[in-house]
Protein backbone atom coordinates (compact mmCIF):
# COMPACT_ATOMS: atom_id res chain seq x y z
CA MET A 1 1.93 -0.07 -4.15
CA GLY A 2 5.57 -0.69 -3.71
CA SER A 3 6.71 -0.95 -0.06
CA GLN A 4 8.33 -4.18 1.11
CA GLU A 5 5.72 -5.24 3.65
CA THR A 6 6.38 -8.70 5.11
CA GLU A 7 4.99 -10.69 7.99
CA GLU A 8 8.01 -9.57 10.04
CA TYR A 9 7.45 -5.91 9.24
CA SER A 10 3.70 -5.49 9.51
CA LEU A 11 1.81 -2.45 10.77
CA PRO A 12 -1.74 -1.18 10.56
CA ASN A 13 -2.26 1.06 7.55
CA GLN A 14 -4.87 3.53 6.36
CA THR A 15 -5.67 4.86 2.91
CA VAL A 16 -5.52 8.67 2.99
CA ASN A 17 -5.44 11.07 0.05
CA GLY A 18 -5.49 8.05 -2.25
CA ILE A 19 -2.32 6.45 -0.83
CA ARG A 20 -1.57 3.92 1.89
CA LEU A 21 0.13 5.11 5.08
CA ALA A 22 1.51 2.80 7.76
CA TYR A 23 1.29 3.93 11.36
CA GLU A 24 1.81 2.72 14.90
CA TRP A 25 0.28 3.48 18.29
CA GLN A 26 2.20 3.28 21.56
CA GLY A 27 1.12 4.14 25.09
CA PRO A 28 -2.17 4.14 27.02
CA GLU A 29 -5.28 4.24 24.87
CA ASP A 30 -6.90 6.97 26.97
CA GLY A 31 -3.85 9.27 27.07
CA PRO A 32 -3.49 12.66 25.38
CA VAL A 33 -2.20 12.16 21.85
CA LEU A 34 1.29 13.10 20.64
CA VAL A 35 2.01 12.79 16.91
CA LEU A 36 5.70 12.36 16.07
CA ILE A 37 6.79 13.05 12.46
CA GLN A 38 10.15 11.83 11.19
CA GLY A 39 12.61 13.53 8.83
CA LEU A 40 14.10 12.95 5.39
CA SER A 41 14.10 9.27 4.37
CA MET A 42 13.47 8.19 7.97
CA PRO A 43 10.66 5.68 8.68
CA LEU A 44 8.78 5.61 11.97
CA ASN A 45 11.17 3.13 13.56
CA ALA A 46 13.85 5.81 13.34
CA TRP A 47 12.37 7.23 16.56
CA PRO A 48 14.64 5.89 19.33
CA PRO A 49 12.57 3.59 21.58
CA THR A 50 14.05 5.17 24.71
CA PHE A 51 12.93 8.60 23.49
CA VAL A 52 9.35 7.49 22.83
CA THR A 53 9.22 5.74 26.21
CA HIS A 54 9.60 9.07 28.02
CA PHE A 55 6.21 10.09 26.60
CA THR A 56 4.38 6.80 27.03
CA ASP A 57 5.61 6.58 30.64
CA ALA A 58 4.17 10.07 31.17
CA GLY A 59 0.76 8.81 30.01
CA TYR A 60 0.79 9.98 26.38
CA ARG A 61 -0.64 8.01 23.49
CA VAL A 62 2.05 8.32 20.81
CA LEU A 63 1.16 8.09 17.11
CA THR A 64 4.04 7.61 14.65
CA LEU A 65 3.79 7.10 10.91
CA ASP A 66 5.83 6.25 7.85
CA ASN A 67 5.65 9.35 5.67
CA ARG A 68 4.65 8.68 2.07
CA ASP A 69 7.39 7.10 -0.05
CA ILE A 70 9.20 5.59 2.97
CA GLY A 71 8.97 2.47 5.12
CA LEU A 72 5.77 0.45 4.84
CA SER A 73 3.78 3.34 3.39
CA GLN A 74 3.10 3.60 -0.32
CA THR A 75 6.16 4.36 -2.45
CA PHE A 76 6.31 6.31 -5.69
CA ASP A 77 9.08 4.22 -7.24
CA SER A 78 7.04 3.73 -10.41
CA ALA A 79 7.59 7.46 -11.09
CA GLY A 80 11.34 6.88 -11.33
CA ILE A 81 14.17 8.77 -9.64
CA PRO A 82 14.32 12.46 -10.58
CA ASN A 83 17.62 14.07 -11.54
CA ILE A 84 18.34 15.75 -8.22
CA MET A 85 21.00 18.12 -9.59
CA TRP A 86 18.77 19.42 -12.40
CA GLU A 87 15.56 19.58 -10.38
CA GLY A 88 17.39 21.14 -7.43
CA PHE A 89 18.80 23.80 -9.77
CA LYS A 90 15.27 24.56 -11.00
CA ALA A 91 14.08 24.82 -7.39
CA ARG A 92 16.77 27.41 -6.60
CA LEU A 93 15.53 29.44 -9.57
CA ARG A 94 11.96 28.98 -8.27
CA LEU A 95 10.96 27.14 -11.43
CA PRO A 96 8.46 24.25 -11.32
CA VAL A 97 10.07 21.04 -10.10
CA ASN A 98 9.22 17.65 -11.58
CA ASN A 99 8.33 15.71 -8.45
CA SER A 100 5.55 13.38 -7.38
CA TYR A 101 4.38 15.38 -4.34
CA SER A 102 5.05 18.36 -2.07
CA LEU A 103 5.53 19.00 1.64
CA ASP A 104 1.96 20.35 1.64
CA ASP A 105 0.79 16.93 0.45
CA MET A 106 2.70 15.28 3.28
CA ALA A 107 1.12 17.61 5.85
CA ALA A 108 -2.31 16.83 4.42
CA ASP A 109 -1.50 13.13 4.83
CA VAL A 110 -0.98 13.62 8.56
CA SER A 111 -4.17 15.64 8.95
CA VAL A 112 -6.33 13.07 7.13
CA LEU A 113 -4.68 10.17 8.95
CA MET A 114 -5.44 11.79 12.30
CA GLY A 115 -9.07 12.31 11.33
CA SER A 116 -9.45 8.77 10.04
CA LEU A 117 -8.11 7.45 13.37
CA GLY A 118 -10.56 9.56 15.35
CA VAL A 119 -7.96 12.08 16.54
CA GLN A 120 -9.51 15.52 16.20
CA SER A 121 -6.41 17.29 17.52
CA ALA A 122 -3.11 16.40 19.15
CA HIS A 123 0.26 17.68 20.25
CA VAL A 124 2.46 17.55 17.14
CA ALA A 125 6.25 17.33 16.98
CA GLY A 126 8.61 16.80 14.07
CA VAL A 127 12.34 16.59 13.45
CA SER A 128 14.08 18.12 10.42
CA MET A 129 11.74 17.53 7.43
CA GLY A 130 9.20 16.32 9.99
CA GLY A 131 9.42 19.75 11.62
CA MET A 132 8.59 21.34 8.26
CA ILE A 133 5.58 19.04 7.90
CA ALA A 134 4.50 19.88 11.47
CA GLN A 135 4.79 23.61 10.68
CA LEU A 136 2.61 23.16 7.59
CA LEU A 137 0.08 21.22 9.65
CA ALA A 138 -0.11 24.23 12.01
CA ILE A 139 -0.42 26.60 9.03
CA HIS A 140 -3.02 24.75 6.93
CA HIS A 141 -4.72 22.49 9.48
CA PRO A 142 -4.51 24.42 12.78
CA GLN A 143 -7.57 22.65 14.18
CA ARG A 144 -5.44 19.49 14.37
CA VAL A 145 -2.66 20.99 16.50
CA ASP A 146 -2.90 21.57 20.26
CA SER A 147 0.78 22.42 20.52
CA LEU A 148 3.70 22.41 18.08
CA THR A 149 7.30 21.33 18.62
CA SER A 150 9.76 21.94 15.77
CA ILE A 151 13.14 20.24 16.27
CA MET A 152 16.29 20.88 14.16
CA SER A 153 14.10 22.30 11.38
CA THR A 154 13.74 25.47 9.33
CA THR A 155 11.30 27.88 7.68
CA GLY A 156 12.52 27.39 4.12
CA ASN A 157 13.77 30.99 4.07
CA ARG A 158 16.22 31.17 1.12
CA ARG A 159 18.40 33.68 2.97
CA LEU A 160 19.34 31.24 5.70
CA PRO A 161 22.79 29.63 5.71
CA PRO A 162 23.09 26.31 3.85
CA PRO A 163 24.50 23.05 5.20
CA GLU A 164 28.26 22.92 5.72
CA PRO A 165 29.99 22.10 2.39
CA PRO A 166 31.15 18.55 3.26
CA VAL A 167 27.63 17.66 4.40
CA LEU A 168 26.00 19.16 1.32
CA ARG A 169 28.39 17.39 -1.07
CA HIS A 170 27.69 14.09 0.65
CA MET A 171 23.90 14.58 0.63
CA LEU A 172 23.89 15.31 -3.11
CA ARG A 173 25.86 12.16 -3.94
CA ARG A 174 23.31 9.69 -2.55
CA PRO A 175 24.03 5.92 -2.53
CA ALA A 176 24.62 4.33 -5.91
CA THR A 177 22.12 1.47 -5.44
CA ASP A 178 19.21 0.39 -3.26
CA ASP A 179 21.25 -2.48 -1.88
CA VAL A 180 20.90 -2.52 1.92
CA GLU A 181 24.65 -2.66 2.48
CA ALA A 182 25.26 0.34 0.21
CA ARG A 183 22.56 2.36 1.92
CA VAL A 184 23.78 1.51 5.42
CA GLU A 185 27.34 2.48 4.45
CA TYR A 186 26.08 5.78 3.04
CA ALA A 187 23.93 6.46 6.11
CA MET A 188 26.84 5.78 8.48
CA LYS A 189 28.94 8.34 6.58
CA THR A 190 26.02 10.77 6.89
CA TRP A 191 25.75 10.27 10.64
CA ARG A 192 29.47 10.72 11.17
CA LEU A 193 29.13 14.11 9.48
CA ILE A 194 26.01 15.33 11.30
CA ALA A 195 26.15 13.63 14.73
CA SER A 196 26.32 15.74 17.87
CA PRO A 197 29.97 16.61 18.58
CA GLY A 198 29.28 17.27 22.24
CA PHE A 199 27.88 13.82 23.04
CA ASP A 200 29.05 10.24 22.64
CA VAL A 201 27.52 8.24 19.81
CA ASP A 202 27.44 4.44 19.88
CA PHE A 203 28.07 3.85 16.18
CA GLU A 204 27.74 0.06 16.47
CA TYR A 205 24.25 0.48 17.94
CA LEU A 206 23.48 3.12 15.31
CA GLU A 207 24.52 0.78 12.48
CA ARG A 208 22.20 -1.95 13.78
CA ARG A 209 19.29 0.49 13.92
CA LEU A 210 19.99 1.86 10.43
CA ARG A 211 20.14 -1.66 9.03
CA SER A 212 16.72 -2.44 10.53
CA MET A 213 15.31 0.72 8.89
CA TYR A 214 16.64 -0.09 5.44
CA GLU A 215 15.69 -3.74 5.59
CA ARG A 216 12.17 -2.62 6.51
CA GLY A 217 11.84 -0.35 3.50
CA VAL A 218 13.75 2.80 2.51
CA THR A 219 14.42 3.33 -1.21
CA ARG A 220 16.90 5.61 -2.92
CA GLY A 221 14.11 7.11 -5.02
CA GLY A 222 11.99 7.88 -1.98
CA ALA A 223 14.86 9.77 -0.37
CA VAL A 224 15.45 11.81 -3.55
CA ARG A 225 11.77 12.63 -4.00
CA GLN A 226 11.45 13.75 -0.36
CA MET A 227 14.58 15.88 -0.76
CA LEU A 228 13.06 17.56 -3.82
CA ALA A 229 9.83 18.22 -1.90
CA ILE A 230 11.95 20.13 0.61
CA ALA A 231 13.90 21.99 -2.10
CA ALA A 232 10.74 23.03 -3.95
CA ALA A 233 8.84 24.24 -0.87
CA PRO A 234 8.41 28.02 -0.65
CA SER A 235 9.39 29.97 2.43
CA ARG A 236 6.94 29.53 5.31
CA VAL A 237 7.98 32.72 7.15
CA LYS A 238 4.93 34.83 6.28
CA ALA A 239 2.51 32.01 6.97
CA LEU A 240 4.19 31.14 10.28
CA ARG A 241 3.72 34.73 11.48
CA LYS A 242 -0.02 34.01 11.53
CA VAL A 243 0.30 30.83 13.62
CA ARG A 244 -1.21 31.21 17.08
CA ILE A 245 -0.51 27.68 18.29
CA PRO A 246 1.79 27.33 21.34
CA THR A 247 5.17 26.48 19.86
CA LEU A 248 8.46 25.10 21.14
CA VAL A 249 11.52 25.28 18.86
CA ILE A 250 14.54 23.11 19.73
CA HIS A 251 17.83 23.26 17.87
CA GLY A 252 21.43 22.16 18.26
CA ARG A 253 24.02 24.91 18.32
CA ASP A 254 26.41 22.66 16.36
CA ASP A 255 24.01 21.41 13.65
CA PRO A 256 26.02 21.16 10.39
CA LEU A 257 23.04 20.20 8.19
CA VAL A 258 20.40 22.71 9.32
CA PRO A 259 22.37 25.51 11.03
CA VAL A 260 21.11 26.97 14.28
CA ALA A 261 20.16 30.18 12.44
CA CYS A 262 17.36 28.15 10.85
CA GLY A 263 15.91 27.34 14.27
CA ALA A 264 16.19 30.97 15.28
CA ASP A 265 14.33 32.00 12.13
CA THR A 266 11.55 29.54 12.96
CA ALA A 267 11.22 30.88 16.50
CA ASN A 268 11.31 34.49 15.28
CA ALA A 269 8.57 33.81 12.74
CA ILE A 270 6.09 32.17 15.13
CA PRO A 271 4.63 34.65 17.65
CA ASN A 272 5.33 33.94 21.31
CA SER A 273 7.27 30.76 20.57
CA ARG A 274 9.88 29.38 22.98
CA PHE A 275 13.37 28.78 21.58
CA GLU A 276 15.77 26.31 23.19
CA VAL A 277 19.34 25.95 21.89
CA ILE A 278 21.38 22.95 23.03
CA ASP A 279 25.16 23.27 23.05
CA GLY A 280 27.01 20.34 21.51
CA MET A 281 23.93 19.03 19.68
CA GLY A 282 24.19 18.34 15.95
CA HIS A 283 21.52 16.99 13.63
CA ASP A 284 20.52 13.94 15.63
CA LEU A 285 18.92 12.83 18.88
CA PRO A 286 21.77 11.36 20.93
CA ILE A 287 20.76 9.11 23.81
CA ALA A 288 22.34 11.52 26.29
CA LEU A 289 19.79 14.17 25.27
CA HIS A 290 16.62 12.06 25.25
CA GLU A 291 15.63 12.97 28.80
CA ARG A 292 16.43 16.67 28.34
CA ILE A 293 14.57 17.09 25.06
CA SER A 294 11.58 14.99 26.12
CA GLY A 295 11.47 16.98 29.37
CA MET A 296 11.23 20.25 27.44
CA MET A 297 8.48 18.79 25.29
CA LEU A 298 6.51 17.36 28.22
CA GLU A 299 6.61 20.69 30.04
CA HIS A 300 5.45 22.42 26.86
CA MET A 301 2.60 19.96 26.20
CA GLN A 302 1.42 19.81 29.80
CA THR A 303 1.02 23.58 29.78
CA HIS A 304 -1.58 23.31 27.04
CA ALA A 305 -4.87 21.51 26.56
CA PRO A 306 -4.47 17.77 26.05
CA SER A 307 -6.09 15.72 23.33
CA THR A 308 -7.41 12.17 23.54
CA ALA A 309 -7.99 9.61 20.83
């Protein structure tokens, strides 16, 4: 099955859609459920502990998961690493892409995992690729979603502005090997390009956290395959116009990877959504913004019907 699960890095797991997904619960067992979905190549321990604590302290039962192909969930490394330049070119031409799965598959994973854990519905929030998965959950599995929060994400609209050129060039290079040191070095370069310019970033602390993620299980192939799932996904604009789930869209005004126009497009597509733009925020969750962003989310969730496990 492929992920590096050790005694040190051990989590409960569930077989859904024929694959194994690792997950973690935090917070009071009788609290309303919040599902947090991470972004591209980020396992569940990428959620900053201080951010999650805002929700558990407010009485929420937080469910996080390793998306397929990342962390302690099942990897698809036996399928090999696709040629990202060639497959990405095909995706731009809207030709079939040779990849192991789609974003729709990843949304179905979340829906089935929730059901298998006895969670009929929950508040759902995702960052970046996780926001795309959360949107698809609201589109295809609306019965699972009490409220939706899409953070630093996009609709997949091809007319939206792309990442800034230095960021895009770096993302397409990818690390040369799966060696932890090489991946941490690459990730640090990524964060220096996308971090919030308006807020201080403790890069020593960030490097320690990134190292713990990669040691736990993040492969180069998984990152490429998730990137291709994003590239191959069709625009969600038309489908999002039919979503009637209460939605909060949060985006950084200074996001160099997913420009703020992408957040605006998401908010414009979903009827009656609330759009919050944060000055100085890039494509990350700096510690200085944890209280502000969690506060927006808590107000949004508390306005709508809670869910319990």
